[in-house]
Amino acid sequence: MKKRLYTGIAALAVIIAFYLVLSQAKTPAPVQQPIKKDYVAAEGKVEAMPGFEIQVGSELISRIEKMHAAKGESVAKGQVLLTLEGNDLKAKVVEMEQELKVQKARLEEVRSGARLEEIKKAVALLESAKAEMGLKRLNLERYALLYREGVASKAMLDEKESEHTVASARVREAMEELSLLEKGPRQETVKLYRDSVDRAAAGLNYHKVLFEKTTIKSPIAGTVIERFLEEGEAVVPETPIMTVADTGKLWVNAEVDETDIGRIQEGDPVEVRSDAFTDKVYKAEIIRISDYVGARKIRPNDTSKNLDMKVIQVKIGFKEDARFKIGMTVDVRILPRK
């Protein structure tokens, strides 16, 4: 009797266990949904805003003669940062100044025309030539008479005719010279000398501009944040010598995962934090979102982030004065607006 009872209880237990297993199989387990944060986290780098960080270089091939600003020094716009060696250019400027003076003097002399003394001299030469021609004419007439009378030979007559012809030519030359002096210089002559003055002036201006480039000034007011070269080192165009930045014009260049692009927009509020200032959270906002995605450049603090994921550049502007330095890495929290 007891054996049958135990057998029945065992069978009942098997039936109940089977029913429980079957019930669990029909009821799917609830799916765990990831908790969606109410902010977008990203890493960023503090940079100077466009136009407020400028690399200063030289337009000349030269050598640094003197540095006038140290790294970390505040400078005003137009303040001299450094000077290059330029003795050769300075000497050339002096040479061209003298050349310009000479050309101007020559032009003025031509413009003023002939002096009274030159005209008087030309008149005297003309009178002398006329007197000479008159004497030669008388000799020619006398020898012509002697030739007709058979006293003088034909060769002697030809000689006197030649002398008269030469004397006549001298008179014409003297008359033309006097006429030119009385009329003054021709316009072509004046233009020739004026062009010489213009060329000398252009040469002087060219070398002055080159010499001015040996003095390099700051294009903006700011701070010298980097010096790449020192006194005595050679410089060439397109090679930076130092960097000047306005450290009061900063923004954050943040890298936002491409999966979060749809959650943010310009104008969204942002919180900016840094390990350097743990007691302060700076208020900011998105002012620009890039039109393209690219590779990540800033290594995230969150080791679980996919380093191969594409990111979009987001520019974040501060709404209050920030104590950050250019180049610092910061953490940002973008608070998407509903």
C-alpha atoms as a PDB file:
ATOM      1  CA  MET A   1       0.000   0.000   0.000  1.00  0.00           C
ATOM      2  CA  LYS A   2       2.734   2.391   0.938  1.00  0.00           C
ATOM      3  CA  LYS A   3       4.650   1.483  -2.239  1.00  0.00           C
ATOM      4  CA  ARG A   4       1.720   2.499  -4.392  1.00  0.00           C
ATOM      5  CA  LEU A   5       1.368   5.771  -2.488  1.00  0.00           C
ATOM      6  CA  TYR A   6       5.022   6.643  -3.036  1.00  0.00           C
ATOM      7  CA  THR A   7       4.700   5.775  -6.720  1.00  0.00           C
ATOM      8  CA  GLY A   8       1.698   8.092  -7.093  1.00  0.00           C
ATOM      9  CA  ILE A   9       3.427  10.951  -5.335  1.00  0.00           C
ATOM     10  CA  ALA A  10       6.502  10.583  -7.587  1.00  0.00           C
ATOM     11  CA  ALA A  11       4.336  10.594 -10.704  1.00  0.00           C
ATOM     12  CA  LEU A  12       2.506  13.690  -9.511  1.00  0.00           C
ATOM     13  CA  ALA A  13       5.825  15.461  -8.889  1.00  0.00           C
ATOM     14  CA  VAL A  14       7.002  14.632 -12.398  1.00  0.00           C
ATOM     15  CA  ILE A  15       3.759  16.002 -13.871  1.00  0.00           C
ATOM     16  CA  ILE A  16       4.063  19.247 -11.859  1.00  0.00           C
ATOM     17  CA  ALA A  17       7.717  19.722 -12.849  1.00  0.00           C
ATOM     18  CA  PHE A  18       6.858  19.124 -16.508  1.00  0.00           C
ATOM     19  CA  TYR A  19       4.065  21.698 -16.297  1.00  0.00           C
ATOM     20  CA  LEU A  20       6.348  24.288 -14.751  1.00  0.00           C
ATOM     21  CA  VAL A  21       9.031  23.771 -17.403  1.00  0.00           C
ATOM     22  CA  LEU A  22       6.436  24.039 -20.161  1.00  0.00           C
ATOM     23  CA  SER A  23       5.014  27.256 -18.655  1.00  0.00           C
ATOM     24  CA  GLN A  24       8.461  28.872 -18.508  1.00  0.00           C
ATOM     25  CA  ALA A  25       9.166  27.929 -22.106  1.00  0.00           C
ATOM     26  CA  LYS A  26       5.949  29.632 -23.285  1.00  0.00           C
ATOM     27  CA  THR A  27       6.641  32.860 -21.329  1.00  0.00           C
ATOM     28  CA  PRO A  28       9.591  34.770 -22.943  1.00  0.00           C
ATOM     29  CA  ALA A  29      12.023  36.409 -20.617  1.00  0.00           C
ATOM     30  CA  PRO A  30      11.828  40.252 -20.610  1.00  0.00           C
ATOM     31  CA  VAL A  31      14.466  41.983 -22.828  1.00  0.00           C
ATOM     32  CA  GLN A  32      16.786  44.347 -21.009  1.00  0.00           C
ATOM     33  CA  GLN A  33      16.606  47.791 -22.681  1.00  0.00           C
ATOM     34  CA  PRO A  34      19.755  49.944 -22.451  1.00  0.00           C
ATOM     35  CA  ILE A  35      19.363  52.984 -20.281  1.00  0.00           C
ATOM     36  CA  LYS A  36      19.481  56.042 -22.531  1.00  0.00           C
ATOM     37  CA  LYS A  37      21.436  58.932 -21.034  1.00  0.00           C
ATOM     38  CA  ASP A  38      19.943  62.424 -21.099  1.00  0.00           C
ATOM     39  CA  TYR A  39      23.231  63.869 -22.332  1.00  0.00           C
ATOM     40  CA  VAL A  40      25.841  63.214 -25.008  1.00  0.00           C
ATOM     41  CA  ALA A  41      29.371  62.792 -23.682  1.00  0.00           C
ATOM     42  CA  ALA A  42      32.424  63.635 -25.750  1.00  0.00           C
ATOM     43  CA  GLU A  43      36.042  64.685 -25.493  1.00  0.00           C
ATOM     44  CA  GLY A  44      37.338  68.001 -26.804  1.00  0.00           C
ATOM     45  CA  LYS A  45      40.413  70.140 -27.192  1.00  0.00           C
ATOM     46  CA  VAL A  46      40.654  73.826 -26.321  1.00  0.00           C
ATOM     47  CA  GLU A  47      41.627  75.919 -29.348  1.00  0.00           C
ATOM     48  CA  ALA A  48      41.806  79.570 -30.330  1.00  0.00           C
ATOM     49  CA  MET A  49      38.918  80.695 -32.495  1.00  0.00           C
ATOM     50  CA  PRO A  50      39.672  81.272 -36.211  1.00  0.00           C
ATOM     51  CA  GLY A  51      41.736  84.399 -36.766  1.00  0.00           C
ATOM     52  CA  PHE A  52      42.970  84.501 -33.168  1.00  0.00           C
ATOM     53  CA  GLU A  53      45.879  82.046 -33.456  1.00  0.00           C
ATOM     54  CA  ILE A  54      48.422  82.997 -36.103  1.00  0.00           C
ATOM     55  CA  GLN A  55      51.773  81.525 -37.012  1.00  0.00           C
ATOM     56  CA  VAL A  56      54.234  84.316 -37.738  1.00  0.00           C
ATOM     57  CA  GLY A  57      56.880  83.791 -40.404  1.00  0.00           C
ATOM     58  CA  SER A  58      59.194  85.603 -42.803  1.00  0.00           C
ATOM     59  CA  GLU A  59      58.718  86.515 -46.455  1.00  0.00           C
ATOM     60  CA  LEU A  60      62.489  86.713 -46.902  1.00  0.00           C
ATOM     61  CA  ILE A  61      65.367  84.265 -46.860  1.00  0.00           C
ATOM     62  CA  SER A  62      67.485  85.664 -44.058  1.00  0.00           C
ATOM     63  CA  ARG A  63      68.683  85.094 -40.501  1.00  0.00           C
ATOM     64  CA  ILE A  64      67.181  86.177 -37.183  1.00  0.00           C
ATOM     65  CA  GLU A  65      69.152  89.120 -35.824  1.00  0.00           C
ATOM     66  CA  LYS A  66      67.119  89.860 -32.673  1.00  0.00           C
ATOM     67  CA  MET A  67      64.115  88.361 -30.850  1.00  0.00           C
ATOM     68  CA  HIS A  68      61.989  90.991 -29.117  1.00  0.00           C
ATOM     69  CA  ALA A  69      59.274  88.774 -27.565  1.00  0.00           C
ATOM     70  CA  ALA A  70      59.687  85.735 -25.310  1.00  0.00           C
ATOM     71  CA  LYS A  71      57.400  82.740 -25.076  1.00  0.00           C
ATOM     72  CA  GLY A  72      54.471  83.543 -22.802  1.00  0.00           C
ATOM     73  CA  GLU A  73      54.870  87.296 -23.277  1.00  0.00           C
ATOM     74  CA  SER A  74      51.827  89.420 -24.053  1.00  0.00           C
ATOM     75  CA  VAL A  75      52.147  91.544 -27.180  1.00  0.00           C
ATOM     76  CA  ALA A  76      50.091  94.317 -28.757  1.00  0.00           C
ATOM     77  CA  LYS A  77      48.958  94.398 -32.354  1.00  0.00           C
ATOM     78  CA  GLY A  78      51.766  95.883 -34.446  1.00  0.00           C
ATOM     79  CA  GLN A  79      54.418  95.295 -31.772  1.00  0.00           C
ATOM     80  CA  VAL A  80      57.818  94.218 -33.094  1.00  0.00           C
ATOM     81  CA  LEU A  81      58.355  90.501 -32.505  1.00  0.00           C
ATOM     82  CA  LEU A  82      61.750  90.081 -34.182  1.00  0.00           C
ATOM     83  CA  THR A  83      64.147  91.634 -36.672  1.00  0.00           C
ATOM     84  CA  LEU A  84      66.053  89.935 -39.470  1.00  0.00           C
ATOM     85  CA  GLU A  85      69.494  90.756 -40.822  1.00  0.00           C
ATOM     86  CA  GLY A  86      69.080  93.415 -43.499  1.00  0.00           C
ATOM     87  CA  ASN A  87      72.266  95.446 -43.948  1.00  0.00           C
ATOM     88  CA  ASP A  88      72.414  94.643 -47.663  1.00  0.00           C
ATOM     89  CA  LEU A  89      68.853  95.793 -48.191  1.00  0.00           C
ATOM     90  CA  LYS A  90      69.451  98.978 -46.201  1.00  0.00           C
ATOM     91  CA  ALA A  91      72.494  99.804 -48.358  1.00  0.00           C
ATOM     92  CA  LYS A  92      70.430  99.200 -51.482  1.00  0.00           C
ATOM     93  CA  VAL A  93      67.766 101.626 -50.240  1.00  0.00           C
ATOM     94  CA  VAL A  94      70.415 104.344 -49.756  1.00  0.00           C
ATOM     95  CA  GLU A  95      71.797 103.651 -53.230  1.00  0.00           C
ATOM     96  CA  MET A  96      68.351 103.924 -54.837  1.00  0.00           C
ATOM     97  CA  GLU A  97      67.640 107.162 -52.976  1.00  0.00           C
ATOM     98  CA  GLN A  98      70.750 108.700 -54.527  1.00  0.00           C
ATOM     99  CA  GLU A  99      69.824 107.382 -57.967  1.00  0.00           C
ATOM    100  CA  LEU A 100      66.394 108.963 -57.692  1.00  0.00           C
ATOM    101  CA  LYS A 101      67.915 112.326 -56.786  1.00  0.00           C
ATOM    102  CA  VAL A 102      70.198 112.181 -59.854  1.00  0.00           C
ATOM    103  CA  GLN A 103      67.348 111.331 -62.209  1.00  0.00           C
ATOM    104  CA  LYS A 104      65.152 114.080 -60.794  1.00  0.00           C
ATOM    105  CA  ALA A 105      67.957 116.627 -61.270  1.00  0.00           C
ATOM    106  CA  ARG A 106      68.403 115.580 -64.896  1.00  0.00           C
ATOM    107  CA  LEU A 107      64.693 115.847 -65.574  1.00  0.00           C
ATOM    108  CA  GLU A 108      64.556 119.300 -64.020  1.00  0.00           C
ATOM    109  CA  GLU A 109      67.494 120.424 -66.143  1.00  0.00           C
ATOM    110  CA  VAL A 110      65.779 119.259 -69.328  1.00  0.00           C
ATOM    111  CA  ARG A 111      62.451 120.815 -68.344  1.00  0.00           C
ATOM    112  CA  SER A 112      64.028 124.197 -67.574  1.00  0.00           C
ATOM    113  CA  GLY A 113      65.296 124.451 -71.177  1.00  0.00           C
ATOM    114  CA  ALA A 114      68.459 126.219 -72.402  1.00  0.00           C
ATOM    115  CA  ARG A 115      70.046 128.857 -70.222  1.00  0.00           C
ATOM    116  CA  LEU A 116      70.551 132.389 -71.519  1.00  0.00           C
ATOM    117  CA  GLU A 117      74.304 131.861 -71.699  1.00  0.00           C
ATOM    118  CA  GLU A 118      73.818 128.863 -74.005  1.00  0.00           C
ATOM    119  CA  ILE A 119      71.572 130.871 -76.334  1.00  0.00           C
ATOM    120  CA  LYS A 120      74.086 133.735 -76.470  1.00  0.00           C
ATOM    121  CA  LYS A 121      76.829 131.267 -77.301  1.00  0.00           C
ATOM    122  CA  ALA A 122      74.725 129.779 -80.105  1.00  0.00           C
ATOM    123  CA  VAL A 123      74.061 133.254 -81.528  1.00  0.00           C
ATOM    124  CA  ALA A 124      77.787 134.019 -81.518  1.00  0.00           C
ATOM    125  CA  LEU A 125      78.556 130.746 -83.303  1.00  0.00           C
ATOM    126  CA  LEU A 126      75.937 131.540 -85.945  1.00  0.00           C
ATOM    127  CA  GLU A 127      77.371 134.992 -86.583  1.00  0.00           C
ATOM    128  CA  SER A 128      80.856 133.552 -86.837  1.00  0.00           C
ATOM    129  CA  ALA A 129      79.644 130.927 -89.316  1.00  0.00           C
ATOM    130  CA  LYS A 130      77.895 133.592 -91.390  1.00  0.00           C
ATOM    131  CA  ALA A 131      81.040 135.715 -91.503  1.00  0.00           C
ATOM    132  CA  GLU A 132      83.096 132.710 -92.546  1.00  0.00           C
ATOM    133  CA  MET A 133      80.580 131.886 -95.280  1.00  0.00           C
ATOM    134  CA  GLY A 134      80.697 135.495 -96.544  1.00  0.00           C
ATOM    135  CA  LEU A 135      84.463 135.343 -96.776  1.00  0.00           C
ATOM    136  CA  LYS A 136      84.342 132.063 -98.650  1.00  0.00           C
ATOM    137  CA  ARG A 137      81.754 133.488-101.056  1.00  0.00           C
ATOM    138  CA  LEU A 138      83.980 136.458-101.891  1.00  0.00           C
ATOM    139  CA  ASN A 139      86.950 134.159-102.523  1.00  0.00           C
ATOM    140  CA  LEU A 140      84.788 131.969-104.748  1.00  0.00           C
ATOM    141  CA  GLU A 141      83.638 134.985-106.799  1.00  0.00           C
ATOM    142  CA  ARG A 142      87.226 136.251-107.212  1.00  0.00           C
ATOM    143  CA  TYR A 143      88.548 132.870-108.346  1.00  0.00           C
ATOM    144  CA  ALA A 144      85.631 132.475-110.704  1.00  0.00           C
ATOM    145  CA  LEU A 145      86.643 135.769-112.365  1.00  0.00           C
ATOM    146  CA  LEU A 146      90.296 134.724-112.509  1.00  0.00           C
ATOM    147  CA  TYR A 147      89.244 131.392-113.998  1.00  0.00           C
ATOM    148  CA  ARG A 148      87.288 133.121-116.737  1.00  0.00           C
ATOM    149  CA  GLU A 149      90.330 135.316-117.479  1.00  0.00           C
ATOM    150  CA  GLY A 150      92.466 132.201-117.627  1.00  0.00           C
ATOM    151  CA  VAL A 151      94.623 133.139-114.645  1.00  0.00           C
ATOM    152  CA  ALA A 152      93.306 130.531-112.159  1.00  0.00           C
ATOM    153  CA  SER A 153      93.048 126.844-112.846  1.00  0.00           C
ATOM    154  CA  LYS A 154      89.886 124.761-112.678  1.00  0.00           C
ATOM    155  CA  ALA A 155      91.235 122.893-109.640  1.00  0.00           C
ATOM    156  CA  MET A 156      91.681 126.116-107.709  1.00  0.00           C
ATOM    157  CA  LEU A 157      88.126 127.150-108.567  1.00  0.00           C
ATOM    158  CA  ASP A 158      86.775 123.774-107.418  1.00  0.00           C
ATOM    159  CA  GLU A 159      88.645 124.129-104.112  1.00  0.00           C
ATOM    160  CA  LYS A 160      87.044 127.508-103.445  1.00  0.00           C
ATOM    161  CA  GLU A 161      83.579 126.148-104.310  1.00  0.00           C
ATOM    162  CA  SER A 162      84.105 123.303-101.819  1.00  0.00           C
ATOM    163  CA  GLU A 163      85.170 125.718 -99.066  1.00  0.00           C
ATOM    164  CA  HIS A 164      82.051 127.814 -99.693  1.00  0.00           C
ATOM    165  CA  THR A 165      79.822 124.733 -99.517  1.00  0.00           C
ATOM    166  CA  VAL A 166      81.327 123.699 -96.159  1.00  0.00           C
ATOM    167  CA  ALA A 167      80.887 127.205 -94.761  1.00  0.00           C
ATOM    168  CA  SER A 168      77.243 127.247 -95.870  1.00  0.00           C
ATOM    169  CA  ALA A 169      76.625 123.924 -94.101  1.00  0.00           C
ATOM    170  CA  ARG A 170      78.115 125.299 -90.874  1.00  0.00           C
ATOM    171  CA  VAL A 171      75.748 128.224 -91.013  1.00  0.00           C
ATOM    172  CA  ARG A 172      72.744 125.905 -91.362  1.00  0.00           C
ATOM    173  CA  GLU A 173      73.924 123.803 -88.402  1.00  0.00           C
ATOM    174  CA  ALA A 174      74.378 126.894 -86.231  1.00  0.00           C
ATOM    175  CA  MET A 175      70.909 128.129 -87.167  1.00  0.00           C
ATOM    176  CA  GLU A 176      69.330 124.757 -86.274  1.00  0.00           C
ATOM    177  CA  GLU A 177      71.169 124.639 -82.942  1.00  0.00           C
ATOM    178  CA  LEU A 178      69.974 128.126 -82.037  1.00  0.00           C
ATOM    179  CA  SER A 179      66.417 127.229 -83.064  1.00  0.00           C
ATOM    180  CA  LEU A 180      66.403 124.149 -80.828  1.00  0.00           C
ATOM    181  CA  LEU A 181      67.695 126.094 -77.850  1.00  0.00           C
ATOM    182  CA  GLU A 182      65.034 128.783 -78.312  1.00  0.00           C
ATOM    183  CA  LYS A 183      62.203 126.217 -78.639  1.00  0.00           C
ATOM    184  CA  GLY A 184      63.281 124.215 -75.568  1.00  0.00           C
ATOM    185  CA  PRO A 185      63.396 120.394 -75.179  1.00  0.00           C
ATOM    186  CA  ARG A 186      61.161 118.126 -77.226  1.00  0.00           C
ATOM    187  CA  GLN A 187      58.345 116.255 -75.491  1.00  0.00           C
ATOM    188  CA  GLU A 188      59.990 112.953 -76.380  1.00  0.00           C
ATOM    189  CA  THR A 189      63.128 114.029 -74.535  1.00  0.00           C
ATOM    190  CA  VAL A 190      61.177 115.122 -71.459  1.00  0.00           C
ATOM    191  CA  LYS A 191      59.252 111.828 -71.443  1.00  0.00           C
ATOM    192  CA  LEU A 192      62.516 109.878 -71.649  1.00  0.00           C
ATOM    193  CA  TYR A 193      63.893 111.580 -68.544  1.00  0.00           C
ATOM    194  CA  ARG A 194      60.535 111.329 -66.743  1.00  0.00           C
ATOM    195  CA  ASP A 195      60.496 107.566 -67.348  1.00  0.00           C
ATOM    196  CA  SER A 196      63.980 107.363 -65.833  1.00  0.00           C
ATOM    197  CA  VAL A 197      62.679 109.101 -62.707  1.00  0.00           C
ATOM    198  CA  ASP A 198      59.715 106.697 -62.499  1.00  0.00           C
ATOM    199  CA  ARG A 199      61.985 103.664 -62.783  1.00  0.00           C
ATOM    200  CA  ALA A 200      64.273 104.973 -60.051  1.00  0.00           C
ATOM    201  CA  ALA A 201      61.266 105.684 -57.794  1.00  0.00           C
ATOM    202  CA  ALA A 202      59.853 102.192 -58.383  1.00  0.00           C
ATOM    203  CA  GLY A 203      63.222 100.614 -57.576  1.00  0.00           C
ATOM    204  CA  LEU A 204      63.468 102.632 -54.365  1.00  0.00           C
ATOM    205  CA  ASN A 205      59.961 101.674 -53.283  1.00  0.00           C
ATOM    206  CA  TYR A 206      60.614  97.984 -54.022  1.00  0.00           C
ATOM    207  CA  HIS A 207      63.742  97.868 -51.878  1.00  0.00           C
ATOM    208  CA  LYS A 208      62.069  99.887 -49.107  1.00  0.00           C
ATOM    209  CA  VAL A 209      59.292  97.283 -48.936  1.00  0.00           C
ATOM    210  CA  LEU A 210      61.860  94.494 -48.778  1.00  0.00           C
ATOM    211  CA  PHE A 211      63.763  96.260 -45.999  1.00  0.00           C
ATOM    212  CA  GLU A 212      60.547  96.827 -44.024  1.00  0.00           C
ATOM    213  CA  LYS A 213      59.965  93.062 -44.121  1.00  0.00           C
ATOM    214  CA  THR A 214      63.097  92.564 -42.012  1.00  0.00           C
ATOM    215  CA  THR A 215      61.037  93.918 -39.099  1.00  0.00           C
ATOM    216  CA  ILE A 216      58.298  91.408 -38.258  1.00  0.00           C
ATOM    217  CA  LYS A 217      55.360  92.669 -36.194  1.00  0.00           C
ATOM    218  CA  SER A 218      52.501  90.930 -34.428  1.00  0.00           C
ATOM    219  CA  PRO A 219      49.351  90.759 -36.585  1.00  0.00           C
ATOM    220  CA  ILE A 220      47.087  90.587 -33.510  1.00  0.00           C
ATOM    221  CA  ALA A 221      47.073  91.401 -29.826  1.00  0.00           C
ATOM    222  CA  GLY A 222      47.703  88.265 -27.809  1.00  0.00           C
ATOM    223  CA  THR A 223      50.334  86.031 -26.251  1.00  0.00           C
ATOM    224  CA  VAL A 224      53.373  84.345 -27.749  1.00  0.00           C
ATOM    225  CA  ILE A 225      52.460  80.702 -27.128  1.00  0.00           C
ATOM    226  CA  GLU A 226      55.271  79.112 -29.123  1.00  0.00           C
ATOM    227  CA  ARG A 227      58.734  79.968 -30.509  1.00  0.00           C
ATOM    228  CA  PHE A 228      60.119  77.593 -33.106  1.00  0.00           C
ATOM    229  CA  LEU A 229      63.413  79.401 -33.884  1.00  0.00           C
ATOM    230  CA  GLU A 230      65.951  81.460 -31.967  1.00  0.00           C
ATOM    231  CA  GLU A 231      68.409  84.284 -32.689  1.00  0.00           C
ATOM    232  CA  GLY A 232      71.015  83.460 -35.324  1.00  0.00           C
ATOM    233  CA  GLU A 233      68.946  80.749 -36.986  1.00  0.00           C
ATOM    234  CA  ALA A 234      68.117  80.912 -40.696  1.00  0.00           C
ATOM    235  CA  VAL A 235      64.566  81.619 -41.853  1.00  0.00           C
ATOM    236  CA  VAL A 236      62.838  80.883 -45.144  1.00  0.00           C
ATOM    237  CA  PRO A 237      59.354  81.774 -46.404  1.00  0.00           C
ATOM    238  CA  GLU A 238      56.418  79.604 -45.263  1.00  0.00           C
ATOM    239  CA  THR A 239      58.343  78.338 -42.218  1.00  0.00           C
ATOM    240  CA  PRO A 240      56.798  79.496 -38.902  1.00  0.00           C
ATOM    241  CA  ILE A 241      59.001  81.368 -36.439  1.00  0.00           C
ATOM    242  CA  MET A 242      56.508  81.789 -33.593  1.00  0.00           C
ATOM    243  CA  THR A 243      52.794  81.539 -32.826  1.00  0.00           C
ATOM    244  CA  VAL A 244      50.726  84.383 -31.365  1.00  0.00           C
ATOM    245  CA  ALA A 245      47.237  83.705 -29.998  1.00  0.00           C
ATOM    246  CA  ASP A 246      44.515  85.701 -28.272  1.00  0.00           C
ATOM    247  CA  THR A 247      43.908  83.454 -25.280  1.00  0.00           C
ATOM    248  CA  GLY A 248      40.660  85.274 -24.531  1.00  0.00           C
ATOM    249  CA  LYS A 249      39.067  84.010 -27.747  1.00  0.00           C
ATOM    250  CA  LEU A 250      38.734  80.274 -27.079  1.00  0.00           C
ATOM    251  CA  TRP A 251      36.380  77.486 -28.032  1.00  0.00           C
ATOM    252  CA  VAL A 252      36.321  73.702 -27.725  1.00  0.00           C
ATOM    253  CA  ASN A 253      36.669  71.403 -30.695  1.00  0.00           C
ATOM    254  CA  ALA A 254      34.779  68.313 -29.505  1.00  0.00           C
ATOM    255  CA  GLU A 255      34.582  64.889 -31.147  1.00  0.00           C
ATOM    256  CA  VAL A 256      31.062  63.453 -30.984  1.00  0.00           C
ATOM    257  CA  ASP A 257      30.403  59.826 -31.941  1.00  0.00           C
ATOM    258  CA  GLU A 258      28.597  59.534 -35.267  1.00  0.00           C
ATOM    259  CA  THR A 259      25.825  57.519 -33.523  1.00  0.00           C
ATOM    260  CA  ASP A 260      24.921  60.642 -31.507  1.00  0.00           C
ATOM    261  CA  ILE A 261      24.704  63.058 -34.422  1.00  0.00           C
ATOM    262  CA  GLY A 262      20.922  62.883 -34.561  1.00  0.00           C
ATOM    263  CA  ARG A 263      20.584  63.954 -30.921  1.00  0.00           C
ATOM    264  CA  ILE A 264      22.408  67.288 -31.071  1.00  0.00           C
ATOM    265  CA  GLN A 265      21.920  70.612 -32.820  1.00  0.00           C
ATOM    266  CA  GLU A 266      23.408  74.099 -32.811  1.00  0.00           C
ATOM    267  CA  GLY A 267      22.420  76.054 -29.727  1.00  0.00           C
ATOM    268  CA  ASP A 268      22.267  73.023 -27.416  1.00  0.00           C
ATOM    269  CA  PRO A 269      23.666  73.821 -23.948  1.00  0.00           C
ATOM    270  CA  VAL A 270      26.964  72.209 -22.999  1.00  0.00           C
ATOM    271  CA  GLU A 271      28.818  71.584 -19.738  1.00  0.00           C
ATOM    272  CA  VAL A 272      32.616  71.645 -19.964  1.00  0.00           C
ATOM    273  CA  ARG A 273      34.785  70.000 -17.323  1.00  0.00           C
ATOM    274  CA  SER A 274      38.499  69.443 -16.872  1.00  0.00           C
ATOM    275  CA  ASP A 275      40.662  67.452 -14.501  1.00  0.00           C
ATOM    276  CA  ALA A 276      42.657  70.648 -13.986  1.00  0.00           C
ATOM    277  CA  PHE A 277      39.635  72.485 -12.515  1.00  0.00           C
ATOM    278  CA  THR A 278      37.588  69.812 -10.787  1.00  0.00           C
ATOM    279  CA  ASP A 279      35.611  72.368  -8.790  1.00  0.00           C
ATOM    280  CA  LYS A 280      34.235  74.185 -11.825  1.00  0.00           C
ATOM    281  CA  VAL A 281      31.749  73.355 -14.576  1.00  0.00           C
ATOM    282  CA  TYR A 282      31.778  75.884 -17.401  1.00  0.00           C
ATOM    283  CA  LYS A 283      28.622  76.738 -19.284  1.00  0.00           C
ATOM    284  CA  ALA A 284      28.825  76.670 -23.062  1.00  0.00           C
ATOM    285  CA  GLU A 285      26.780  75.935 -26.165  1.00  0.00           C
ATOM    286  CA  ILE A 286      27.166  74.388 -29.604  1.00  0.00           C
ATOM    287  CA  ILE A 287      27.910  77.071 -32.171  1.00  0.00           C
ATOM    288  CA  ARG A 288      28.892  74.942 -35.161  1.00  0.00           C
ATOM    289  CA  ILE A 289      28.545  71.326 -36.291  1.00  0.00           C
ATOM    290  CA  SER A 290      30.763  70.016 -39.069  1.00  0.00           C
ATOM    291  CA  ASP A 291      29.233  68.743 -42.310  1.00  0.00           C
ATOM    292  CA  TYR A 292      31.305  65.564 -42.405  1.00  0.00           C
ATOM    293  CA  VAL A 293      32.617  62.791 -40.153  1.00  0.00           C
ATOM    294  CA  GLY A 294      36.199  61.676 -39.792  1.00  0.00           C
ATOM    295  CA  ALA A 295      38.620  59.644 -37.735  1.00  0.00           C
ATOM    296  CA  ARG A 296      38.955  60.198 -33.994  1.00  0.00           C
ATOM    297  CA  LYS A 297      41.986  62.301 -32.998  1.00  0.00           C
ATOM    298  CA  ILE A 298      41.450  62.656 -29.244  1.00  0.00           C
ATOM    299  CA  ARG A 299      41.811  59.509 -27.150  1.00  0.00           C
ATOM    300  CA  PRO A 300      38.679  59.183 -24.958  1.00  0.00           C
ATOM    301  CA  ASN A 301      38.863  58.682 -21.200  1.00  0.00           C
ATOM    302  CA  ASP A 302      36.144  56.019 -21.435  1.00  0.00           C
ATOM    303  CA  THR A 303      38.057  52.845 -22.346  1.00  0.00           C
ATOM    304  CA  SER A 304      34.826  51.141 -23.441  1.00  0.00           C
ATOM    305  CA  LYS A 305      34.445  53.499 -26.400  1.00  0.00           C
ATOM    306  CA  ASN A 306      35.083  52.153 -29.865  1.00  0.00           C
ATOM    307  CA  LEU A 307      38.242  53.891 -31.041  1.00  0.00           C
ATOM    308  CA  ASP A 308      37.470  53.015 -34.662  1.00  0.00           C
ATOM    309  CA  MET A 309      34.094  54.745 -34.629  1.00  0.00           C
ATOM    310  CA  LYS A 310      33.850  57.833 -36.825  1.00  0.00           C
ATOM    311  CA  VAL A 311      33.272  61.173 -35.116  1.00  0.00           C
ATOM    312  CA  ILE A 312      31.977  64.591 -36.107  1.00  0.00           C
ATOM    313  CA  GLN A 313      33.700  67.829 -35.167  1.00  0.00           C
ATOM    314  CA  VAL A 314      31.531  70.083 -32.971  1.00  0.00           C
ATOM    315  CA  LYS A 315      32.608  73.628 -32.078  1.00  0.00           C
ATOM    316  CA  ILE A 316      31.552  74.709 -28.597  1.00  0.00           C
ATOM    317  CA  GLY A 317      31.662  78.326 -27.467  1.00  0.00           C
ATOM    318  CA  PHE A 318      31.950  79.396 -23.829  1.00  0.00           C
ATOM    319  CA  LYS A 319      29.205  81.510 -22.254  1.00  0.00           C
ATOM    320  CA  GLU A 320      31.531  82.665 -19.467  1.00  0.00           C
ATOM    321  CA  ASP A 321      35.216  83.380 -18.975  1.00  0.00           C
ATOM    322  CA  ALA A 322      37.186  80.138 -18.906  1.00  0.00           C
ATOM    323  CA  ARG A 323      40.604  79.505 -17.355  1.00  0.00           C
ATOM    324  CA  PHE A 324      41.601  76.911 -19.904  1.00  0.00           C
ATOM    325  CA  LYS A 325      44.843  76.979 -21.878  1.00  0.00           C
ATOM    326  CA  ILE A 326      45.116  76.335 -25.585  1.00  0.00           C
ATOM    327  CA  GLY A 327      45.730  72.651 -26.228  1.00  0.00           C
ATOM    328  CA  MET A 328      44.081  71.346 -23.031  1.00  0.00           C
ATOM    329  CA  THR A 329      41.834  68.280 -23.265  1.00  0.00           C
ATOM    330  CA  VAL A 330      38.386  68.649 -21.690  1.00  0.00           C
ATOM    331  CA  ASP A 331      35.256  66.562 -21.152  1.00  0.00           C
ATOM    332  CA  VAL A 332      31.966  67.906 -22.495  1.00  0.00           C
ATOM    333  CA  ARG A 333      28.383  66.985 -21.844  1.00  0.00           C
ATOM    334  CA  ILE A 334      25.924  68.126 -24.459  1.00  0.00           C
ATOM    335  CA  LEU A 335      22.388  68.497 -23.100  1.00  0.00           C
ATOM    336  CA  PRO A 336      20.063  68.010 -26.090  1.00  0.00           C
ATOM    337  CA  ARG A 337      17.041  70.255 -26.064  1.00  0.00           C
ATOM    338  CA  LYS A 338      13.705  68.441 -26.050  1.00  0.00           C
END
